[in-house]
Every structure is written in C-alpha cells, then in structure tokens.
All heavy atoms as atom14 arrays in JSON, in Angstrom:
{
  "sequence": "QYNARIGYYINDKYSISIGNDHMKYVMKTGQTAVIDGVIDAGTI",
  "atom14_mask": [
    [1, 1, 1, 1, 1, 1, 1, 1, 1, 0, 0, 0, 0, 0],
    [1, 1, 1, 1, 1, 1, 1, 1, 1, 1, 1, 1, 0, 0],
    [1, 1, 1, 1, 1, 1, 1, 1, 0, 0, 0, 0, 0, 0],
    [1, 1, 1, 1, 1, 0, 0, 0, 0, 0, 0, 0, 0, 0],
    [1, 1, 1, 1, 1, 1, 1, 1, 1, 1, 1, 0, 0, 0],
    [1, 1, 1, 1, 1, 1, 1, 1, 0, 0, 0, 0, 0, 0],
    [1, 1, 1, 1, 0, 0, 0, 0, 0, 0, 0, 0, 0, 0],
    [1, 1, 1, 1, 1, 1, 1, 1, 1, 1, 1, 1, 0, 0],
    [1, 1, 1, 1, 1, 1, 1, 1, 1, 1, 1, 1, 0, 0],
    [1, 1, 1, 1, 1, 1, 1, 1, 0, 0, 0, 0, 0, 0],
    [1, 1, 1, 1, 1, 1, 1, 1, 0, 0, 0, 0, 0, 0],
    [1, 1, 1, 1, 1, 1, 1, 1, 0, 0, 0, 0, 0, 0],
    [1, 1, 1, 1, 1, 1, 1, 1, 1, 0, 0, 0, 0, 0],
    [1, 1, 1, 1, 1, 1, 1, 1, 1, 1, 1, 1, 0, 0],
    [1, 1, 1, 1, 1, 1, 0, 0, 0, 0, 0, 0, 0, 0],
    [1, 1, 1, 1, 1, 1, 1, 1, 0, 0, 0, 0, 0, 0],
    [1, 1, 1, 1, 1, 1, 0, 0, 0, 0, 0, 0, 0, 0],
    [1, 1, 1, 1, 1, 1, 1, 1, 0, 0, 0, 0, 0, 0],
    [1, 1, 1, 1, 0, 0, 0, 0, 0, 0, 0, 0, 0, 0],
    [1, 1, 1, 1, 1, 1, 1, 1, 0, 0, 0, 0, 0, 0],
    [1, 1, 1, 1, 1, 1, 1, 1, 0, 0, 0, 0, 0, 0],
    [1, 1, 1, 1, 1, 1, 1, 1, 1, 1, 0, 0, 0, 0],
    [1, 1, 1, 1, 1, 1, 1, 1, 0, 0, 0, 0, 0, 0],
    [1, 1, 1, 1, 1, 1, 1, 1, 1, 0, 0, 0, 0, 0],
    [1, 1, 1, 1, 1, 1, 1, 1, 1, 1, 1, 1, 0, 0],
    [1, 1, 1, 1, 1, 1, 1, 0, 0, 0, 0, 0, 0, 0],
    [1, 1, 1, 1, 1, 1, 1, 1, 0, 0, 0, 0, 0, 0],
    [1, 1, 1, 1, 1, 1, 1, 1, 1, 0, 0, 0, 0, 0],
    [1, 1, 1, 1, 1, 1, 1, 0, 0, 0, 0, 0, 0, 0],
    [1, 1, 1, 1, 0, 0, 0, 0, 0, 0, 0, 0, 0, 0],
    [1, 1, 1, 1, 1, 1, 1, 1, 1, 0, 0, 0, 0, 0],
    [1, 1, 1, 1, 1, 1, 1, 0, 0, 0, 0, 0, 0, 0],
    [1, 1, 1, 1, 1, 0, 0, 0, 0, 0, 0, 0, 0, 0],
    [1, 1, 1, 1, 1, 1, 1, 0, 0, 0, 0, 0, 0, 0],
    [1, 1, 1, 1, 1, 1, 1, 1, 0, 0, 0, 0, 0, 0],
    [1, 1, 1, 1, 1, 1, 1, 1, 0, 0, 0, 0, 0, 0],
    [1, 1, 1, 1, 0, 0, 0, 0, 0, 0, 0, 0, 0, 0],
    [1, 1, 1, 1, 1, 1, 1, 0, 0, 0, 0, 0, 0, 0],
    [1, 1, 1, 1, 1, 1, 1, 1, 0, 0, 0, 0, 0, 0],
    [1, 1, 1, 1, 1, 1, 1, 1, 0, 0, 0, 0, 0, 0],
    [1, 1, 1, 1, 1, 0, 0, 0, 0, 0, 0, 0, 0, 0],
    [1, 1, 1, 1, 0, 0, 0, 0, 0, 0, 0, 0, 0, 0],
    [1, 1, 1, 1, 1, 1, 1, 0, 0, 0, 0, 0, 0, 0],
    [1, 1, 1, 1, 1, 1, 1, 1, 0, 0, 0, 0, 0, 0]
  ],
  "atom14_positions": [
    [[9.88, 13.27, -1.47], [8.84, 12.24, -1.52], [7.48, 12.93, -1.6], [7.11, 13.69, -0.71], [8.93, 11.36, -0.27], [10.25, 10.63, -0.15], [10.32, 9.72, 1.06], [11.3, 9.01, 1.24], [9.3, 9.7, 1.91], [0.0, 0.0, 0.0], [0.0, 0.0, 0.0], [0.0, 0.0, 0.0], [0.0, 0.0, 0.0], [0.0, 0.0, 0.0]],
    [[6.73, 12.67, -2.67], [5.47, 13.38, -2.87], [4.33, 12.43, -3.24], [4.56, 11.28, -3.65], [5.62, 14.46, -3.95], [5.82, 13.91, -5.35], [4.73, 13.54, -6.14], [7.09, 13.77, -5.9], [4.9, 13.04, -7.41], [7.27, 13.27, -7.18], [6.18, 12.91, -7.93], [6.36, 12.4, -9.2], [0.0, 0.0, 0.0], [0.0, 0.0, 0.0]],
    [[3.12, 12.94, -3.13], [1.91, 12.25, -3.58], [1.12, 13.19, -4.46], [0.87, 14.35, -4.09], [1.04, 11.83, -2.4], [1.72, 10.83, -1.5], [2.7, 11.14, -0.84], [1.18, 9.61, -1.45], [0.0, 0.0, 0.0], [0.0, 0.0, 0.0], [0.0, 0.0, 0.0], [0.0, 0.0, 0.0], [0.0, 0.0, 0.0], [0.0, 0.0, 0.0]],
    [[0.7, 12.73, -5.63], [-0.13, 13.52, -6.55], [-1.3, 12.65, -6.99], [-1.12, 11.46, -7.29], [0.67, 13.97, -7.76], [0.0, 0.0, 0.0], [0.0, 0.0, 0.0], [0.0, 0.0, 0.0], [0.0, 0.0, 0.0], [0.0, 0.0, 0.0], [0.0, 0.0, 0.0], [0.0, 0.0, 0.0], [0.0, 0.0, 0.0], [0.0, 0.0, 0.0]],
    [[-2.51, 13.25, -7.04], [-3.69, 12.42, -7.33], [-4.79, 13.28, -7.94], [-4.93, 14.46, -7.63], [-4.19, 11.76, -6.04], [-5.4, 10.84, -6.23], [-5.59, 9.98, -5.0], [-4.47, 9.07, -4.83], [-4.35, 7.89, -5.43], [-5.32, 7.44, -6.24], [-3.3, 7.13, -5.24], [0.0, 0.0, 0.0], [0.0, 0.0, 0.0], [0.0, 0.0, 0.0]],
    [[-5.58, 12.66, -8.82], [-6.79, 13.26, -9.35], [-7.91, 12.24, -9.23], [-7.72, 11.04, -9.49], [-6.6, 13.7, -10.82], [-7.87, 14.39, -11.32], [-6.2, 12.54, -11.72], [-7.69, 15.08, -12.67], [0.0, 0.0, 0.0], [0.0, 0.0, 0.0], [0.0, 0.0, 0.0], [0.0, 0.0, 0.0], [0.0, 0.0, 0.0], [0.0, 0.0, 0.0]],
    [[-9.05, 12.71, -8.76], [-10.16, 11.79, -8.54], [-11.49, 12.39, -8.91], [-11.61, 13.59, -9.22], [0.0, 0.0, 0.0], [0.0, 0.0, 0.0], [0.0, 0.0, 0.0], [0.0, 0.0, 0.0], [0.0, 0.0, 0.0], [0.0, 0.0, 0.0], [0.0, 0.0, 0.0], [0.0, 0.0, 0.0], [0.0, 0.0, 0.0], [0.0, 0.0, 0.0]],
    [[-12.53, 11.57, -8.86], [-13.88, 11.99, -9.22], [-14.87, 11.42, -8.21], [-14.84, 10.23, -7.88], [-14.24, 11.5, -10.62], [-15.66, 11.82, -11.05], [-16.02, 13.12, -11.38], [-16.63, 10.83, -11.1], [-17.32, 13.43, -11.76], [-17.93, 11.11, -11.48], [-18.27, 12.43, -11.8], [-19.55, 12.72, -12.17], [0.0, 0.0, 0.0], [0.0, 0.0, 0.0]],
    [[-15.74, 12.31, -7.71], [-16.8, 11.88, -6.8], [-17.98, 11.33, -7.61], [-18.67, 12.08, -8.3], [-17.27, 13.05, -5.94], [-16.29, 13.46, -4.87], [-15.47, 14.57, -5.04], [-16.21, 12.74, -3.68], [-14.58, 14.95, -4.05], [-15.31, 13.12, -2.68], [-14.5, 14.22, -2.88], [-13.63, 14.59, -1.89], [0.0, 0.0, 0.0], [0.0, 0.0, 0.0]],
    [[-18.18, 10.03, -7.51], [-19.31, 9.4, -8.18], [-20.61, 9.91, -7.58], [-21.59, 10.17, -8.29], [-19.21, 7.87, -8.04], [-17.9, 7.37, -8.64], [-20.41, 7.19, -8.71], [-17.59, 5.93, -8.33], [0.0, 0.0, 0.0], [0.0, 0.0, 0.0], [0.0, 0.0, 0.0], [0.0, 0.0, 0.0], [0.0, 0.0, 0.0], [0.0, 0.0, 0.0]],
    [[-20.62, 10.06, -6.27], [-21.72, 10.69, -5.53], [-21.12, 11.28, -4.26], [-19.91, 11.37, -4.13], [-22.86, 9.69, -5.25], [-22.37, 8.43, -4.56], [-21.53, 8.49, -3.67], [-22.89, 7.29, -4.98], [0.0, 0.0, 0.0], [0.0, 0.0, 0.0], [0.0, 0.0, 0.0], [0.0, 0.0, 0.0], [0.0, 0.0, 0.0], [0.0, 0.0, 0.0]],
    [[-21.95, 11.68, -3.31], [-21.44, 12.33, -2.11], [-20.63, 11.39, -1.22], [-19.86, 11.85, -0.38], [-22.58, 12.91, -1.29], [-23.15, 14.18, -1.91], [-22.43, 14.81, -2.7], [-24.32, 14.51, -1.61], [0.0, 0.0, 0.0], [0.0, 0.0, 0.0], [0.0, 0.0, 0.0], [0.0, 0.0, 0.0], [0.0, 0.0, 0.0], [0.0, 0.0, 0.0]],
    [[-20.79, 10.1, -1.42], [-20.16, 9.14, -0.51], [-18.98, 8.37, -1.11], [-18.14, 7.85, -0.36], [-21.21, 8.14, -0.02], [-22.28, 8.77, 0.86], [-23.25, 7.71, 1.37], [-24.29, 8.34, 2.29], [-25.25, 7.32, 2.81], [0.0, 0.0, 0.0], [0.0, 0.0, 0.0], [0.0, 0.0, 0.0], [0.0, 0.0, 0.0], [0.0, 0.0, 0.0]],
    [[-18.91, 8.29, -2.45], [-17.89, 7.45, -3.06], [-17.12, 8.2, -4.14], [-17.68, 9.0, -4.88], [-18.52, 6.19, -3.67], [-19.14, 5.26, -2.64], [-20.5, 5.28, -2.38], [-18.33, 4.38, -1.93], [-21.07, 4.45, -1.44], [-18.89, 3.53, -0.97], [-20.24, 3.57, -0.73], [-20.8, 2.76, 0.21], [0.0, 0.0, 0.0], [0.0, 0.0, 0.0]],
    [[-15.8, 7.89, -4.21], [-14.97, 8.47, -5.27], [-13.99, 7.43, -5.78], [-13.67, 6.45, -5.1], [-14.2, 9.69, -4.75], [-13.15, 9.3, -3.88], [0.0, 0.0, 0.0], [0.0, 0.0, 0.0], [0.0, 0.0, 0.0], [0.0, 0.0, 0.0], [0.0, 0.0, 0.0], [0.0, 0.0, 0.0], [0.0, 0.0, 0.0], [0.0, 0.0, 0.0]],
    [[-13.53, 7.67, -7.0], [-12.49, 6.84, -7.61], [-11.38, 7.78, -8.08], [-11.65, 8.9, -8.52], [-13.05, 5.99, -8.77], [-12.02, 4.98, -9.25], [-13.59, 6.86, -9.91], [-12.59, 3.94, -10.2], [0.0, 0.0, 0.0], [0.0, 0.0, 0.0], [0.0, 0.0, 0.0], [0.0, 0.0, 0.0], [0.0, 0.0, 0.0], [0.0, 0.0, 0.0]],
    [[-10.12, 7.33, -7.97], [-9.02, 8.24, -8.29], [-7.8, 7.47, -8.77], [-7.67, 6.25, -8.55], [-8.64, 9.07, -7.05], [-8.15, 8.24, -6.02], [0.0, 0.0, 0.0], [0.0, 0.0, 0.0], [0.0, 0.0, 0.0], [0.0, 0.0, 0.0], [0.0, 0.0, 0.0], [0.0, 0.0, 0.0], [0.0, 0.0, 0.0], [0.0, 0.0, 0.0]],
    [[-6.9, 8.19, -9.44], [-5.61, 7.65, -9.85], [-4.52, 8.59, -9.36], [-4.73, 9.79, -9.23], [-5.51, 7.47, -11.38], [-5.75, 8.8, -12.09], [-6.47, 6.4, -11.87], [-5.5, 8.72, -13.6], [0.0, 0.0, 0.0], [0.0, 0.0, 0.0], [0.0, 0.0, 0.0], [0.0, 0.0, 0.0], [0.0, 0.0, 0.0], [0.0, 0.0, 0.0]],
    [[-3.34, 8.04, -9.08], [-2.28, 8.9, -8.59], [-0.93, 8.21, -8.58], [-0.8, 7.02, -8.9], [0.0, 0.0, 0.0], [0.0, 0.0, 0.0], [0.0, 0.0, 0.0], [0.0, 0.0, 0.0], [0.0, 0.0, 0.0], [0.0, 0.0, 0.0], [0.0, 0.0, 0.0], [0.0, 0.0, 0.0], [0.0, 0.0, 0.0], [0.0, 0.0, 0.0]],
    [[0.06, 8.99, -8.2], [1.43, 8.51, -8.07], [1.91, 8.79, -6.65], [1.89, 9.93, -6.2], [2.36, 9.21, -9.07], [3.81, 8.82, -8.87], [4.12, 7.7, -8.49], [4.72, 9.75, -9.13], [0.0, 0.0, 0.0], [0.0, 0.0, 0.0], [0.0, 0.0, 0.0], [0.0, 0.0, 0.0], [0.0, 0.0, 0.0], [0.0, 0.0, 0.0]],
    [[2.32, 7.74, -5.95], [2.97, 7.87, -4.65], [4.47, 7.71, -4.88], [4.94, 6.61, -5.19], [2.49, 6.8, -3.67], [1.0, 6.91, -3.37], [0.34, 7.79, -3.96], [0.51, 6.12, -2.56], [0.0, 0.0, 0.0], [0.0, 0.0, 0.0], [0.0, 0.0, 0.0], [0.0, 0.0, 0.0], [0.0, 0.0, 0.0], [0.0, 0.0, 0.0]],
    [[5.2, 8.82, -4.73], [6.63, 8.83, -4.98], [7.35, 8.67, -3.65], [7.61, 9.63, -2.94], [7.03, 10.14, -5.67], [8.49, 10.28, -5.92], [9.15, 9.62, -6.94], [9.44, 11.04, -5.3], [10.43, 9.96, -6.93], [10.62, 10.82, -5.94], [0.0, 0.0, 0.0], [0.0, 0.0, 0.0], [0.0, 0.0, 0.0], [0.0, 0.0, 0.0]],
    [[7.63, 7.42, -3.31], [8.38, 7.11, -2.1], [9.85, 6.9, -2.47], [10.21, 6.83, -3.64], [7.81, 5.86, -1.43], [6.36, 5.99, -1.0], [5.66, 4.43, -0.36], [5.31, 3.55, -1.91], [0.0, 0.0, 0.0], [0.0, 0.0, 0.0], [0.0, 0.0, 0.0], [0.0, 0.0, 0.0], [0.0, 0.0, 0.0], [0.0, 0.0, 0.0]],
    [[10.67, 6.81, -1.45], [12.08, 6.48, -1.63], [12.46, 5.37, -0.65], [12.14, 5.46, 0.54], [12.98, 7.7, -1.42], [12.76, 8.83, -2.42], [13.67, 10.01, -2.12], [13.35, 11.22, -2.98], [13.75, 11.03, -4.38], [0.0, 0.0, 0.0], [0.0, 0.0, 0.0], [0.0, 0.0, 0.0], [0.0, 0.0, 0.0], [0.0, 0.0, 0.0]],
    [[13.13, 4.35, -1.17], [13.57, 3.22, -0.35], [15.08, 3.13, -0.43], [15.65, 3.04, -1.53], [12.94, 1.91, -0.84], [13.44, 0.67, -0.13], [12.71, 0.12, 0.92], [14.63, 0.06, -0.5], [13.14, -1.02, 1.57], [15.08, -1.07, 0.16], [14.35, -1.61, 1.2], [14.79, -2.73, 1.85], [0.0, 0.0, 0.0], [0.0, 0.0, 0.0]],
    [[15.74, 3.15, 0.73], [17.2, 3.08, 0.77], [17.61, 1.94, 1.69], [17.31, 1.96, 2.89], [17.82, 4.4, 1.29], [19.34, 4.31, 1.3], [17.36, 5.57, 0.44], [0.0, 0.0, 0.0], [0.0, 0.0, 0.0], [0.0, 0.0, 0.0], [0.0, 0.0, 0.0], [0.0, 0.0, 0.0], [0.0, 0.0, 0.0], [0.0, 0.0, 0.0]],
    [[18.28, 0.94, 1.14], [18.81, -0.13, 1.97], [19.89, 0.43, 2.89], [20.75, 1.2, 2.46], [19.42, -1.22, 1.09], [19.92, -2.43, 1.86], [21.07, -3.44, 0.89], [22.5, -2.35, 0.84], [0.0, 0.0, 0.0], [0.0, 0.0, 0.0], [0.0, 0.0, 0.0], [0.0, 0.0, 0.0], [0.0, 0.0, 0.0], [0.0, 0.0, 0.0]],
    [[19.83, 0.07, 4.16], [20.82, 0.53, 5.13], [22.16, -0.13, 4.85], [22.32, -1.34, 5.01], [20.35, 0.23, 6.55], [21.34, 0.66, 7.62], [20.86, 0.24, 9.0], [21.9, 0.59, 10.06], [21.48, 0.11, 11.4], [0.0, 0.0, 0.0], [0.0, 0.0, 0.0], [0.0, 0.0, 0.0], [0.0, 0.0, 0.0], [0.0, 0.0, 0.0]],
    [[23.13, 0.66, 4.41], [24.46, 0.13, 4.13], [25.23, -0.03, 5.44], [25.12, 0.79, 6.35], [25.23, 1.08, 3.2], [24.46, 1.29, 2.02], [26.57, 0.48, 2.8], [0.0, 0.0, 0.0], [0.0, 0.0, 0.0], [0.0, 0.0, 0.0], [0.0, 0.0, 0.0], [0.0, 0.0, 0.0], [0.0, 0.0, 0.0], [0.0, 0.0, 0.0]],
    [[26.0, -1.11, 5.53], [26.77, -1.39, 6.73], [26.06, -2.31, 7.71], [26.65, -2.72, 8.72], [0.0, 0.0, 0.0], [0.0, 0.0, 0.0], [0.0, 0.0, 0.0], [0.0, 0.0, 0.0], [0.0, 0.0, 0.0], [0.0, 0.0, 0.0], [0.0, 0.0, 0.0], [0.0, 0.0, 0.0], [0.0, 0.0, 0.0], [0.0, 0.0, 0.0]],
    [[24.8, -2.65, 7.42], [24.08, -3.56, 8.31], [24.61, -4.98, 8.15], [25.24, -5.33, 7.15], [22.59, -3.53, 8.0], [22.22, -4.08, 6.63], [20.73, -4.02, 6.34], [19.94, -4.73, 6.94], [20.36, -3.12, 5.43], [0.0, 0.0, 0.0], [0.0, 0.0, 0.0], [0.0, 0.0, 0.0], [0.0, 0.0, 0.0], [0.0, 0.0, 0.0]],
    [[24.34, -5.78, 9.15], [24.69, -7.2, 9.08], [23.45, -7.99, 8.72], [22.39, -7.82, 9.33], [25.24, -7.69, 10.43], [26.44, -6.96, 10.75], [25.58, -9.16, 10.37], [0.0, 0.0, 0.0], [0.0, 0.0, 0.0], [0.0, 0.0, 0.0], [0.0, 0.0, 0.0], [0.0, 0.0, 0.0], [0.0, 0.0, 0.0], [0.0, 0.0, 0.0]],
    [[23.57, -8.83, 7.71], [22.45, -9.64, 7.25], [22.9, -11.08, 7.07], [24.09, -11.38, 6.96], [21.9, -9.1, 5.93], [0.0, 0.0, 0.0], [0.0, 0.0, 0.0], [0.0, 0.0, 0.0], [0.0, 0.0, 0.0], [0.0, 0.0, 0.0], [0.0, 0.0, 0.0], [0.0, 0.0, 0.0], [0.0, 0.0, 0.0], [0.0, 0.0, 0.0]],
    [[21.94, -11.97, 7.03], [22.21, -13.38, 6.76], [22.16, -13.59, 5.25], [21.24, -13.11, 4.58], [21.19, -14.29, 7.47], [21.37, -15.75, 7.04], [21.33, -14.16, 8.97], [0.0, 0.0, 0.0], [0.0, 0.0, 0.0], [0.0, 0.0, 0.0], [0.0, 0.0, 0.0], [0.0, 0.0, 0.0], [0.0, 0.0, 0.0], [0.0, 0.0, 0.0]],
    [[23.16, -14.31, 4.72], [23.24, -14.56, 3.28], [23.27, -16.06, 3.02], [23.87, -16.84, 3.78], [24.49, -13.88, 2.67], [24.53, -14.09, 1.15], [25.77, -14.35, 3.33], [25.64, -13.31, 0.45], [0.0, 0.0, 0.0], [0.0, 0.0, 0.0], [0.0, 0.0, 0.0], [0.0, 0.0, 0.0], [0.0, 0.0, 0.0], [0.0, 0.0, 0.0]],
    [[22.6, -16.46, 1.96], [22.58, -17.86, 1.55], [22.65, -17.91, 0.03], [21.94, -17.19, -0.66], [21.29, -18.54, 2.03], [21.25, -20.01, 1.69], [22.15, -20.75, 2.13], [20.34, -20.43, 0.94], [0.0, 0.0, 0.0], [0.0, 0.0, 0.0], [0.0, 0.0, 0.0], [0.0, 0.0, 0.0], [0.0, 0.0, 0.0], [0.0, 0.0, 0.0]],
    [[23.56, -18.75, -0.51], [23.67, -18.86, -1.97], [25.13, -18.9, -2.4], [26.03, -19.25, -1.61], [0.0, 0.0, 0.0], [0.0, 0.0, 0.0], [0.0, 0.0, 0.0], [0.0, 0.0, 0.0], [0.0, 0.0, 0.0], [0.0, 0.0, 0.0], [0.0, 0.0, 0.0], [0.0, 0.0, 0.0], [0.0, 0.0, 0.0], [0.0, 0.0, 0.0]],
    [[25.37, -18.51, -3.64], [26.71, -18.6, -4.2], [27.04, -17.34, -4.98], [26.19, -16.75, -5.65], [26.84, -19.84, -5.11], [25.84, -19.78, -6.27], [28.26, -19.99, -5.64], [0.0, 0.0, 0.0], [0.0, 0.0, 0.0], [0.0, 0.0, 0.0], [0.0, 0.0, 0.0], [0.0, 0.0, 0.0], [0.0, 0.0, 0.0], [0.0, 0.0, 0.0]],
    [[28.31, -16.9, -4.87], [28.85, -15.8, -5.68], [30.13, -16.3, -6.32], [31.04, -16.8, -5.64], [29.15, -14.55, -4.81], [27.87, -14.04, -4.15], [29.77, -13.44, -5.67], [28.1, -12.91, -3.15], [0.0, 0.0, 0.0], [0.0, 0.0, 0.0], [0.0, 0.0, 0.0], [0.0, 0.0, 0.0], [0.0, 0.0, 0.0], [0.0, 0.0, 0.0]],
    [[30.22, -16.18, -7.64], [31.4, -16.61, -8.4], [31.64, -15.61, -9.52], [31.59, -15.93, -10.7], [31.18, -18.02, -8.96], [32.43, -18.57, -9.65], [33.54, -18.07, -9.37], [32.29, -19.49, -10.49], [0.0, 0.0, 0.0], [0.0, 0.0, 0.0], [0.0, 0.0, 0.0], [0.0, 0.0, 0.0], [0.0, 0.0, 0.0], [0.0, 0.0, 0.0]],
    [[31.88, -14.34, -9.11], [31.97, -13.25, -10.06], [33.35, -12.6, -10.08], [33.5, -11.48, -10.56], [30.92, -12.2, -9.72], [0.0, 0.0, 0.0], [0.0, 0.0, 0.0], [0.0, 0.0, 0.0], [0.0, 0.0, 0.0], [0.0, 0.0, 0.0], [0.0, 0.0, 0.0], [0.0, 0.0, 0.0], [0.0, 0.0, 0.0], [0.0, 0.0, 0.0]],
    [[34.35, -13.29, -9.58], [35.7, -12.75, -9.57], [35.87, -11.63, -8.58], [36.59, -10.66, -8.84], [0.0, 0.0, 0.0], [0.0, 0.0, 0.0], [0.0, 0.0, 0.0], [0.0, 0.0, 0.0], [0.0, 0.0, 0.0], [0.0, 0.0, 0.0], [0.0, 0.0, 0.0], [0.0, 0.0, 0.0], [0.0, 0.0, 0.0], [0.0, 0.0, 0.0]],
    [[35.21, -11.72, -7.44], [35.26, -10.69, -6.4], [35.79, -11.28, -5.1], [35.93, -12.51, -4.96], [33.87, -10.09, -6.14], [33.09, -11.03, -5.39], [33.15, -9.77, -7.44], [0.0, 0.0, 0.0], [0.0, 0.0, 0.0], [0.0, 0.0, 0.0], [0.0, 0.0, 0.0], [0.0, 0.0, 0.0], [0.0, 0.0, 0.0], [0.0, 0.0, 0.0]],
    [[36.05, -10.41, -4.13], [36.49, -10.88, -2.83], [35.37, -11.57, -2.07], [35.61, -12.21, -1.04], [37.05, -9.71, -1.98], [35.95, -8.66, -1.76], [38.26, -9.09, -2.65], [36.37, -7.55, -0.81], [0.0, 0.0, 0.0], [0.0, 0.0, 0.0], [0.0, 0.0, 0.0], [0.0, 0.0, 0.0], [0.0, 0.0, 0.0], [0.0, 0.0, 0.0]]
  ]
}
C-alpha cells in the first residue's frame, strides 16, 4: 500500500497537488452479515 504525489507551492502558505493513494480493501471472509433480496442463479 503506497502513496505517490507531486505538488506545487503557489506561495509559502498554499500548495496544490495530484497523487495516487494505493490502498487495499479486503472483505472479511467468514463473517456473519444480514442479507436482504433474492438469488436465483442455480446455486445452493
């Protein structure tokens, strides 16, 4: 997981920048959740 950025100081007090925040999100498998809706896909 990394952060990369390039920016420019407009003056001593303010800057503007662009970047990429590379996070990772993993749903916890095996957790118990509440489900609402319908499944009709030929599965158990």
